[in-house]
Amino acid sequence: MKLSYNILVFGNEPVEKSIARLSRFGYDAVEFVGEPELYDPAEVRSLLAKYGIRAGSICNIWKKDRDFTSANPEIRENAKRYTKSTIDMAERIGAEVVIVAPTANMRITRELPPEEEWKYAVEGIRECGEYALPRGVTLVLEPWNRFETYLINRLEQAIRLAQDINLPNVKIMGDLFHMNIEESSIPEAIRKARGWLVHMHVADNQRDLPGKGHLNWPEIFSALKDIQFSGYLVLEYIPPHADPYFAFREKVDE
């Protein structure tokens, strides 16, 4: 297991400040926000080298005009263009993983028959996966809870989508916040995802630090150990309920 941190939670602070903080506290990698225009790839590579830390992953942002399953073909095409742009970003800064969702965030109702939306998700993400393959980038499908999407809510559904896409570089990820809502048993869901689960977002049930909520962390880590999980554990503590700076062992000078 490798430890990373999603710098989305730091808001608009300068990227060097975020990278320096994570390096100082021993993180292995950084998860960057999937908005390529926010970063200069050469500057990011230079900062990563300066502070001795890796680019682990890109957390894509699924706005309403980035939706593989939309009834609007222009929106479906834009989802592919956007994903390819973040794959390019990953290649340029040396990130291994790009997070993908088949629908826009907060779209909880269908626009098309289920089989048609599934077909569009498979075809669109497969095209992006084929684009990512020669660039050394893995796409991971992220299930969200039912209040944010309807298409894939559980790891088993993400696995089925990845199986239908059928590419060696399309896998799945888990987010413990969403899993706490949707999975009957988080440890059992993890164990059943052996061979597919390669990336994790980590926070307690209310997106605060582990131990501040009710998740059973020994059981979760036992399950990850059982499947020989070797990907990134990406800490993702979301304000305003959680303080993302509290995760660090000393006061951050602002």
C-alpha atoms as a PDB file:
ATOM      1  CA  MET A   1       0.000   0.000   0.000  1.00  0.00           C
ATOM      2  CA  LYS A   2       1.129   3.530  -0.817  1.00  0.00           C
ATOM      3  CA  LEU A   3      -0.107   6.688   0.908  1.00  0.00           C
ATOM      4  CA  SER A   4      -1.357   9.665  -1.096  1.00  0.00           C
ATOM      5  CA  TYR A   5      -3.504  12.742  -0.536  1.00  0.00           C
ATOM      6  CA  ASN A   6      -6.098  14.455  -2.720  1.00  0.00           C
ATOM      7  CA  ILE A   7      -5.048  18.108  -2.890  1.00  0.00           C
ATOM      8  CA  LEU A   8      -8.563  19.048  -3.980  1.00  0.00           C
ATOM      9  CA  VAL A   9      -9.290  19.481  -0.257  1.00  0.00           C
ATOM     10  CA  PHE A  10      -6.712  22.281   0.039  1.00  0.00           C
ATOM     11  CA  GLY A  11      -8.774  24.532  -2.218  1.00  0.00           C
ATOM     12  CA  ASN A  12      -6.944  27.165  -4.227  1.00  0.00           C
ATOM     13  CA  GLU A  13      -3.646  27.219  -2.362  1.00  0.00           C
ATOM     14  CA  PRO A  14      -0.481  27.246  -4.524  1.00  0.00           C
ATOM     15  CA  VAL A  15       0.406  23.773  -5.761  1.00  0.00           C
ATOM     16  CA  GLU A  16       3.960  24.035  -4.406  1.00  0.00           C
ATOM     17  CA  LYS A  17       2.613  24.572  -0.893  1.00  0.00           C
ATOM     18  CA  SER A  18       0.480  21.425  -1.156  1.00  0.00           C
ATOM     19  CA  ILE A  19       3.297  19.317  -2.593  1.00  0.00           C
ATOM     20  CA  ALA A  20       5.792  20.564   0.002  1.00  0.00           C
ATOM     21  CA  ARG A  21       3.386  19.752   2.855  1.00  0.00           C
ATOM     22  CA  LEU A  22       2.780  16.206   1.669  1.00  0.00           C
ATOM     23  CA  SER A  23       6.483  15.602   1.156  1.00  0.00           C
ATOM     24  CA  ARG A  24       7.322  16.936   4.614  1.00  0.00           C
ATOM     25  CA  PHE A  25       4.957  14.485   6.265  1.00  0.00           C
ATOM     26  CA  GLY A  26       6.127  11.434   4.378  1.00  0.00           C
ATOM     27  CA  TYR A  27       3.407  10.845   1.799  1.00  0.00           C
ATOM     28  CA  ASP A  28       4.371   8.746  -1.195  1.00  0.00           C
ATOM     29  CA  ALA A  29       2.352  10.632  -3.787  1.00  0.00           C
ATOM     30  CA  VAL A  30      -0.068  13.407  -4.668  1.00  0.00           C
ATOM     31  CA  GLU A  31      -3.545  13.082  -6.183  1.00  0.00           C
ATOM     32  CA  PHE A  32      -4.127  16.068  -8.451  1.00  0.00           C
ATOM     33  CA  VAL A  33      -7.410  17.691  -9.455  1.00  0.00           C
ATOM     34  CA  GLY A  34      -8.533  16.657 -12.934  1.00  0.00           C
ATOM     35  CA  GLU A  35      -8.564  20.144 -14.426  1.00  0.00           C
ATOM     36  CA  PRO A  36      -5.490  20.314 -16.683  1.00  0.00           C
ATOM     37  CA  GLU A  37      -5.648  24.093 -17.077  1.00  0.00           C
ATOM     38  CA  LEU A  38      -4.806  24.471 -13.370  1.00  0.00           C
ATOM     39  CA  TYR A  39      -1.292  23.117 -13.823  1.00  0.00           C
ATOM     40  CA  ASP A  40       1.845  23.644 -15.846  1.00  0.00           C
ATOM     41  CA  PRO A  41       3.158  20.087 -16.368  1.00  0.00           C
ATOM     42  CA  ALA A  42       6.802  21.179 -16.475  1.00  0.00           C
ATOM     43  CA  GLU A  43       6.378  23.098 -13.219  1.00  0.00           C
ATOM     44  CA  VAL A  44       4.643  20.143 -11.563  1.00  0.00           C
ATOM     45  CA  ARG A  45       7.399  17.733 -12.626  1.00  0.00           C
ATOM     46  CA  SER A  46      10.008  20.147 -11.306  1.00  0.00           C
ATOM     47  CA  LEU A  47       8.209  20.492  -7.964  1.00  0.00           C
ATOM     48  CA  LEU A  48       7.769  16.738  -7.592  1.00  0.00           C
ATOM     49  CA  ALA A  49      11.484  16.251  -8.206  1.00  0.00           C
ATOM     50  CA  LYS A  50      12.374  19.086  -5.820  1.00  0.00           C
ATOM     51  CA  TYR A  51      10.345  17.608  -2.960  1.00  0.00           C
ATOM     52  CA  GLY A  52      10.976  13.935  -3.700  1.00  0.00           C
ATOM     53  CA  ILE A  53       7.369  12.838  -4.122  1.00  0.00           C
ATOM     54  CA  ARG A  54       5.421  11.213  -6.973  1.00  0.00           C
ATOM     55  CA  ALA A  55       2.320  12.084  -8.951  1.00  0.00           C
ATOM     56  CA  GLY A  56       0.050   9.187  -8.069  1.00  0.00           C
ATOM     57  CA  SER A  57      -3.299   9.906  -9.660  1.00  0.00           C
ATOM     58  CA  ILE A  58      -5.695  12.378 -11.235  1.00  0.00           C
ATOM     59  CA  CYS A  59      -9.125  12.895  -9.648  1.00  0.00           C
ATOM     60  CA  ASN A  60     -11.410  13.813 -12.528  1.00  0.00           C
ATOM     61  CA  ILE A  61     -14.270  16.246 -11.924  1.00  0.00           C
ATOM     62  CA  TRP A  62     -17.540  15.092 -13.465  1.00  0.00           C
ATOM     63  CA  LYS A  63     -19.523  18.217 -14.284  1.00  0.00           C
ATOM     64  CA  LYS A  64     -22.887  17.998 -16.032  1.00  0.00           C
ATOM     65  CA  ASP A  65     -21.325  18.447 -19.482  1.00  0.00           C
ATOM     66  CA  ARG A  66     -18.954  15.499 -18.870  1.00  0.00           C
ATOM     67  CA  ASP A  67     -21.224  12.472 -19.003  1.00  0.00           C
ATOM     68  CA  PHE A  68     -20.581   9.261 -20.947  1.00  0.00           C
ATOM     69  CA  THR A  69     -24.255   8.242 -20.692  1.00  0.00           C
ATOM     70  CA  SER A  70     -26.000  11.483 -21.612  1.00  0.00           C
ATOM     71  CA  ALA A  71     -28.809  11.500 -24.165  1.00  0.00           C
ATOM     72  CA  ASN A  72     -26.977  14.431 -25.761  1.00  0.00           C
ATOM     73  CA  PRO A  73     -24.236  13.157 -28.125  1.00  0.00           C
ATOM     74  CA  GLU A  74     -22.262  16.398 -27.733  1.00  0.00           C
ATOM     75  CA  ILE A  75     -22.034  15.826 -23.978  1.00  0.00           C
ATOM     76  CA  ARG A  76     -20.927  12.217 -24.526  1.00  0.00           C
ATOM     77  CA  GLU A  77     -18.205  13.393 -26.895  1.00  0.00           C
ATOM     78  CA  ASN A  78     -17.134  16.060 -24.425  1.00  0.00           C
ATOM     79  CA  ALA A  79     -16.772  13.408 -21.714  1.00  0.00           C
ATOM     80  CA  LYS A  80     -14.333  11.566 -23.966  1.00  0.00           C
ATOM     81  CA  ARG A  81     -12.419  14.728 -24.875  1.00  0.00           C
ATOM     82  CA  TYR A  82     -12.172  15.704 -21.234  1.00  0.00           C
ATOM     83  CA  THR A  83     -10.991  12.265 -20.128  1.00  0.00           C
ATOM     84  CA  LYS A  84      -8.358  12.155 -22.853  1.00  0.00           C
ATOM     85  CA  SER A  85      -7.119  15.575 -21.718  1.00  0.00           C
ATOM     86  CA  THR A  86      -6.639  14.265 -18.171  1.00  0.00           C
ATOM     87  CA  ILE A  87      -4.910  11.162 -19.531  1.00  0.00           C
ATOM     88  CA  ASP A  88      -2.524  13.509 -21.349  1.00  0.00           C
ATOM     89  CA  MET A  89      -2.049  15.401 -18.086  1.00  0.00           C
ATOM     90  CA  ALA A  90      -1.280  12.151 -16.268  1.00  0.00           C
ATOM     91  CA  GLU A  91       1.303  11.177 -18.867  1.00  0.00           C
ATOM     92  CA  ARG A  92       2.960  14.599 -18.719  1.00  0.00           C
ATOM     93  CA  ILE A  93       3.330  14.682 -14.931  1.00  0.00           C
ATOM     94  CA  GLY A  94       3.992  10.958 -14.478  1.00  0.00           C
ATOM     95  CA  ALA A  95       0.725   9.934 -12.783  1.00  0.00           C
ATOM     96  CA  GLU A  96      -0.285   6.280 -13.022  1.00  0.00           C
ATOM     97  CA  VAL A  97      -4.046   6.497 -12.473  1.00  0.00           C
ATOM     98  CA  VAL A  98      -6.995   8.563 -13.738  1.00  0.00           C
ATOM     99  CA  ILE A  99     -10.339   8.310 -11.915  1.00  0.00           C
ATOM    100  CA  VAL A 100     -13.357   7.880 -14.192  1.00  0.00           C
ATOM    101  CA  ALA A 101     -17.098   7.932 -13.550  1.00  0.00           C
ATOM    102  CA  PRO A 102     -19.633   6.948 -16.224  1.00  0.00           C
ATOM    103  CA  THR A 103     -22.128   9.702 -15.334  1.00  0.00           C
ATOM    104  CA  ALA A 104     -22.014  13.325 -14.293  1.00  0.00           C
ATOM    105  CA  ASN A 105     -21.964  13.884 -10.554  1.00  0.00           C
ATOM    106  CA  MET A 106     -25.388  14.476  -8.993  1.00  0.00           C
ATOM    107  CA  ARG A 107     -27.338  13.083 -11.967  1.00  0.00           C
ATOM    108  CA  ILE A 108     -29.574  10.566 -10.229  1.00  0.00           C
ATOM    109  CA  THR A 109     -32.175   9.881 -12.930  1.00  0.00           C
ATOM    110  CA  ARG A 110     -31.903   8.195 -16.297  1.00  0.00           C
ATOM    111  CA  GLU A 111     -32.194   9.966 -19.627  1.00  0.00           C
ATOM    112  CA  LEU A 112     -32.240   6.795 -21.731  1.00  0.00           C
ATOM    113  CA  PRO A 113     -33.162   3.115 -21.331  1.00  0.00           C
ATOM    114  CA  PRO A 114     -30.711   1.344 -18.962  1.00  0.00           C
ATOM    115  CA  GLU A 115     -29.184  -0.878 -21.639  1.00  0.00           C
ATOM    116  CA  GLU A 116     -28.527   2.122 -23.893  1.00  0.00           C
ATOM    117  CA  GLU A 117     -26.828   4.117 -21.151  1.00  0.00           C
ATOM    118  CA  TRP A 118     -24.718   1.104 -20.210  1.00  0.00           C
ATOM    119  CA  LYS A 119     -23.712   0.688 -23.860  1.00  0.00           C
ATOM    120  CA  TYR A 120     -22.646   4.329 -24.102  1.00  0.00           C
ATOM    121  CA  ALA A 121     -20.645   4.020 -20.869  1.00  0.00           C
ATOM    122  CA  VAL A 122     -18.855   0.906 -22.132  1.00  0.00           C
ATOM    123  CA  GLU A 123     -18.084   2.388 -25.550  1.00  0.00           C
ATOM    124  CA  GLY A 124     -16.972   5.797 -24.285  1.00  0.00           C
ATOM    125  CA  ILE A 125     -14.759   4.563 -21.483  1.00  0.00           C
ATOM    126  CA  ARG A 126     -13.323   1.831 -23.695  1.00  0.00           C
ATOM    127  CA  GLU A 127     -12.258   4.476 -26.230  1.00  0.00           C
ATOM    128  CA  CYS A 128     -10.553   6.406 -23.442  1.00  0.00           C
ATOM    129  CA  GLY A 129      -8.967   3.241 -22.078  1.00  0.00           C
ATOM    130  CA  GLU A 130      -7.531   2.447 -25.488  1.00  0.00           C
ATOM    131  CA  TYR A 131      -6.143   5.989 -25.604  1.00  0.00           C
ATOM    132  CA  ALA A 132      -4.612   5.567 -22.141  1.00  0.00           C
ATOM    133  CA  LEU A 133      -3.048   2.151 -22.721  1.00  0.00           C
ATOM    134  CA  PRO A 134       0.035   3.176 -24.770  1.00  0.00           C
ATOM    135  CA  ARG A 135       0.523   6.123 -22.414  1.00  0.00           C
ATOM    136  CA  GLY A 136       0.946   3.863 -19.402  1.00  0.00           C
ATOM    137  CA  VAL A 137      -2.169   5.144 -17.633  1.00  0.00           C
ATOM    138  CA  THR A 138      -4.771   3.041 -15.810  1.00  0.00           C
ATOM    139  CA  LEU A 139      -8.390   4.180 -15.632  1.00  0.00           C
ATOM    140  CA  VAL A 140     -10.232   3.324 -12.425  1.00  0.00           C
ATOM    141  CA  LEU A 141     -14.032   3.322 -12.287  1.00  0.00           C
ATOM    142  CA  GLU A 142     -15.417   4.949  -9.142  1.00  0.00           C
ATOM    143  CA  PRO A 143     -18.844   3.971  -7.765  1.00  0.00           C
ATOM    144  CA  TRP A 144     -20.705   6.771  -5.974  1.00  0.00           C
ATOM    145  CA  ASN A 145     -23.598   6.563  -3.566  1.00  0.00           C
ATOM    146  CA  ARG A 146     -27.225   6.642  -4.717  1.00  0.00           C
ATOM    147  CA  PHE A 147     -27.593  10.339  -3.867  1.00  0.00           C
ATOM    148  CA  GLU A 148     -24.909  11.256  -6.429  1.00  0.00           C
ATOM    149  CA  THR A 149     -25.491   8.751  -9.235  1.00  0.00           C
ATOM    150  CA  TYR A 150     -27.613   5.761 -10.183  1.00  0.00           C
ATOM    151  CA  LEU A 151     -25.517   3.759 -12.662  1.00  0.00           C
ATOM    152  CA  ILE A 152     -22.812   2.210 -10.481  1.00  0.00           C
ATOM    153  CA  ASN A 153     -23.119   2.438  -6.687  1.00  0.00           C
ATOM    154  CA  ARG A 154     -21.228  -0.666  -5.511  1.00  0.00           C
ATOM    155  CA  LEU A 155     -17.896  -2.285  -6.301  1.00  0.00           C
ATOM    156  CA  GLU A 156     -19.589  -5.290  -7.912  1.00  0.00           C
ATOM    157  CA  GLN A 157     -21.327  -2.991 -10.418  1.00  0.00           C
ATOM    158  CA  ALA A 158     -18.055  -1.244 -11.231  1.00  0.00           C
ATOM    159  CA  ILE A 159     -16.450  -4.646 -11.820  1.00  0.00           C
ATOM    160  CA  ARG A 160     -19.229  -5.593 -14.235  1.00  0.00           C
ATOM    161  CA  LEU A 161     -18.678  -2.367 -16.170  1.00  0.00           C
ATOM    162  CA  ALA A 162     -14.914  -2.954 -16.262  1.00  0.00           C
ATOM    163  CA  GLN A 163     -15.494  -6.520 -17.449  1.00  0.00           C
ATOM    164  CA  ASP A 164     -17.681  -5.277 -20.295  1.00  0.00           C
ATOM    165  CA  ILE A 165     -15.059  -2.681 -21.262  1.00  0.00           C
ATOM    166  CA  ASN A 166     -12.522  -5.518 -21.285  1.00  0.00           C
ATOM    167  CA  LEU A 167      -9.199  -3.691 -21.303  1.00  0.00           C
ATOM    168  CA  PRO A 168      -6.177  -4.551 -19.130  1.00  0.00           C
ATOM    169  CA  ASN A 169      -5.803  -0.946 -17.956  1.00  0.00           C
ATOM    170  CA  VAL A 170      -9.417  -0.413 -16.853  1.00  0.00           C
ATOM    171  CA  LYS A 171      -9.863  -1.363 -13.198  1.00  0.00           C
ATOM    172  CA  ILE A 172     -11.955  -0.086 -10.284  1.00  0.00           C
ATOM    173  CA  MET A 173     -11.520   1.933  -7.112  1.00  0.00           C
ATOM    174  CA  GLY A 174     -13.380   2.207  -3.837  1.00  0.00           C
ATOM    175  CA  ASP A 175     -14.286   5.257  -1.786  1.00  0.00           C
ATOM    176  CA  LEU A 176     -15.049   4.406   1.830  1.00  0.00           C
ATOM    177  CA  PHE A 177     -17.504   7.299   2.179  1.00  0.00           C
ATOM    178  CA  HIS A 178     -19.636   5.920  -0.657  1.00  0.00           C
ATOM    179  CA  MET A 179     -19.053   2.297   0.340  1.00  0.00           C
ATOM    180  CA  ASN A 180     -20.367   2.971   3.845  1.00  0.00           C
ATOM    181  CA  ILE A 181     -23.689   3.986   2.282  1.00  0.00           C
ATOM    182  CA  GLU A 182     -23.982   1.305  -0.401  1.00  0.00           C
ATOM    183  CA  GLU A 183     -22.122  -1.859   0.592  1.00  0.00           C
ATOM    184  CA  SER A 184     -23.733  -4.406   2.929  1.00  0.00           C
ATOM    185  CA  SER A 185     -20.231  -5.286   4.148  1.00  0.00           C
ATOM    186  CA  ILE A 186     -17.229  -3.151   3.250  1.00  0.00           C
ATOM    187  CA  PRO A 187     -14.669  -5.905   4.014  1.00  0.00           C
ATOM    188  CA  GLU A 188     -16.619  -8.466   1.981  1.00  0.00           C
ATOM    189  CA  ALA A 189     -16.970  -6.065  -0.964  1.00  0.00           C
ATOM    190  CA  ILE A 190     -13.210  -5.496  -0.892  1.00  0.00           C
ATOM    191  CA  ARG A 191     -12.453  -9.220  -0.812  1.00  0.00           C
ATOM    192  CA  LYS A 192     -14.800  -9.890  -3.739  1.00  0.00           C
ATOM    193  CA  ALA A 193     -12.993  -7.180  -5.733  1.00  0.00           C
ATOM    194  CA  ARG A 194      -9.661  -9.018  -5.664  1.00  0.00           C
ATOM    195  CA  GLY A 195      -7.840  -8.451  -8.938  1.00  0.00           C
ATOM    196  CA  TRP A 196      -9.944  -5.397  -9.817  1.00  0.00           C
ATOM    197  CA  LEU A 197      -9.539  -3.003  -6.888  1.00  0.00           C
ATOM    198  CA  VAL A 198      -6.360  -0.960  -7.401  1.00  0.00           C
ATOM    199  CA  HIS A 199      -7.086   2.458  -5.853  1.00  0.00           C
ATOM    200  CA  MET A 200      -8.869   3.734  -2.727  1.00  0.00           C
ATOM    201  CA  HIS A 201     -10.199   7.005  -1.336  1.00  0.00           C
ATOM    202  CA  VAL A 202      -9.925   6.888   2.431  1.00  0.00           C
ATOM    203  CA  ALA A 203     -11.918   8.739   5.076  1.00  0.00           C
ATOM    204  CA  ASP A 204     -14.288   7.818   7.868  1.00  0.00           C
ATOM    205  CA  ASN A 205     -18.026   7.587   7.268  1.00  0.00           C
ATOM    206  CA  GLN A 206     -18.519  11.373   7.454  1.00  0.00           C
ATOM    207  CA  ARG A 207     -15.386  12.100   5.371  1.00  0.00           C
ATOM    208  CA  ASP A 208     -13.387  12.943   8.472  1.00  0.00           C
ATOM    209  CA  LEU A 209     -10.170  11.346   9.728  1.00  0.00           C
ATOM    210  CA  PRO A 210     -10.146   7.587  10.382  1.00  0.00           C
ATOM    211  CA  GLY A 211     -11.297   6.971  13.928  1.00  0.00           C
ATOM    212  CA  LYS A 212     -13.559  10.023  14.100  1.00  0.00           C
ATOM    213  CA  GLY A 213     -16.550   8.082  12.779  1.00  0.00           C
ATOM    214  CA  HIS A 214     -17.891   4.561  13.008  1.00  0.00           C
ATOM    215  CA  LEU A 215     -16.008   2.607  10.317  1.00  0.00           C
ATOM    216  CA  ASN A 216     -14.253  -0.554  11.487  1.00  0.00           C
ATOM    217  CA  TRP A 217     -10.700   0.148  10.369  1.00  0.00           C
ATOM    218  CA  PRO A 218      -9.082  -3.128  11.497  1.00  0.00           C
ATOM    219  CA  GLU A 219     -11.621  -5.061   9.394  1.00  0.00           C
ATOM    220  CA  ILE A 220     -11.081  -2.794   6.372  1.00  0.00           C
ATOM    221  CA  PHE A 221      -7.296  -3.076   6.480  1.00  0.00           C
ATOM    222  CA  SER A 222      -7.508  -6.811   7.054  1.00  0.00           C
ATOM    223  CA  ALA A 223      -9.571  -7.126   3.872  1.00  0.00           C
ATOM    224  CA  LEU A 224      -7.113  -4.980   1.907  1.00  0.00           C
ATOM    225  CA  LYS A 225      -4.277  -7.153   3.184  1.00  0.00           C
ATOM    226  CA  ASP A 226      -6.184 -10.296   2.189  1.00  0.00           C
ATOM    227  CA  ILE A 227      -6.418  -9.164  -1.457  1.00  0.00           C
ATOM    228  CA  GLN A 228      -2.778  -7.997  -1.418  1.00  0.00           C
ATOM    229  CA  PHE A 229      -3.826  -4.451  -2.246  1.00  0.00           C
ATOM    230  CA  SER A 230      -0.784  -2.568  -3.513  1.00  0.00           C
ATOM    231  CA  GLY A 231      -2.330   0.614  -4.898  1.00  0.00           C
ATOM    232  CA  TYR A 232      -2.690   4.086  -3.449  1.00  0.00           C
ATOM    233  CA  LEU A 233      -4.654   4.834  -0.298  1.00  0.00           C
ATOM    234  CA  VAL A 234      -5.647   8.422  -0.994  1.00  0.00           C
ATOM    235  CA  LEU A 235      -6.737  10.429   2.028  1.00  0.00           C
ATOM    236  CA  GLU A 236      -9.730  12.606   1.177  1.00  0.00           C
ATOM    237  CA  TYR A 237     -11.031  14.633   4.114  1.00  0.00           C
ATOM    238  CA  ILE A 238     -13.724  16.981   2.849  1.00  0.00           C
ATOM    239  CA  PRO A 239     -14.400  20.391   4.461  1.00  0.00           C
ATOM    240  CA  PRO A 240     -16.386  21.904   6.065  1.00  0.00           C
ATOM    241  CA  HIS A 241     -17.072  18.940   8.378  1.00  0.00           C
ATOM    242  CA  ALA A 242     -13.484  17.703   8.289  1.00  0.00           C
ATOM    243  CA  ASP A 243     -10.329  19.750   8.721  1.00  0.00           C
ATOM    244  CA  PRO A 244      -7.908  18.520   6.030  1.00  0.00           C
ATOM    245  CA  TYR A 245      -4.945  20.081   7.845  1.00  0.00           C
ATOM    246  CA  PHE A 246      -5.557  18.143  11.059  1.00  0.00           C
ATOM    247  CA  ALA A 247      -4.185  15.039   9.332  1.00  0.00           C
ATOM    248  CA  PHE A 248      -0.686  16.471   9.649  1.00  0.00           C
ATOM    249  CA  ARG A 249       1.380  16.063  12.762  1.00  0.00           C
ATOM    250  CA  GLU A 250       2.148  19.723  13.348  1.00  0.00           C
ATOM    251  CA  LYS A 251       0.403  23.022  12.840  1.00  0.00           C
ATOM    252  CA  VAL A 252       0.493  24.241   9.271  1.00  0.00           C
ATOM    253  CA  ASP A 253       1.725  27.801   9.002  1.00  0.00           C
ATOM    254  CA  GLU A 254      -0.706  29.770   6.905  1.00  0.00           C
END
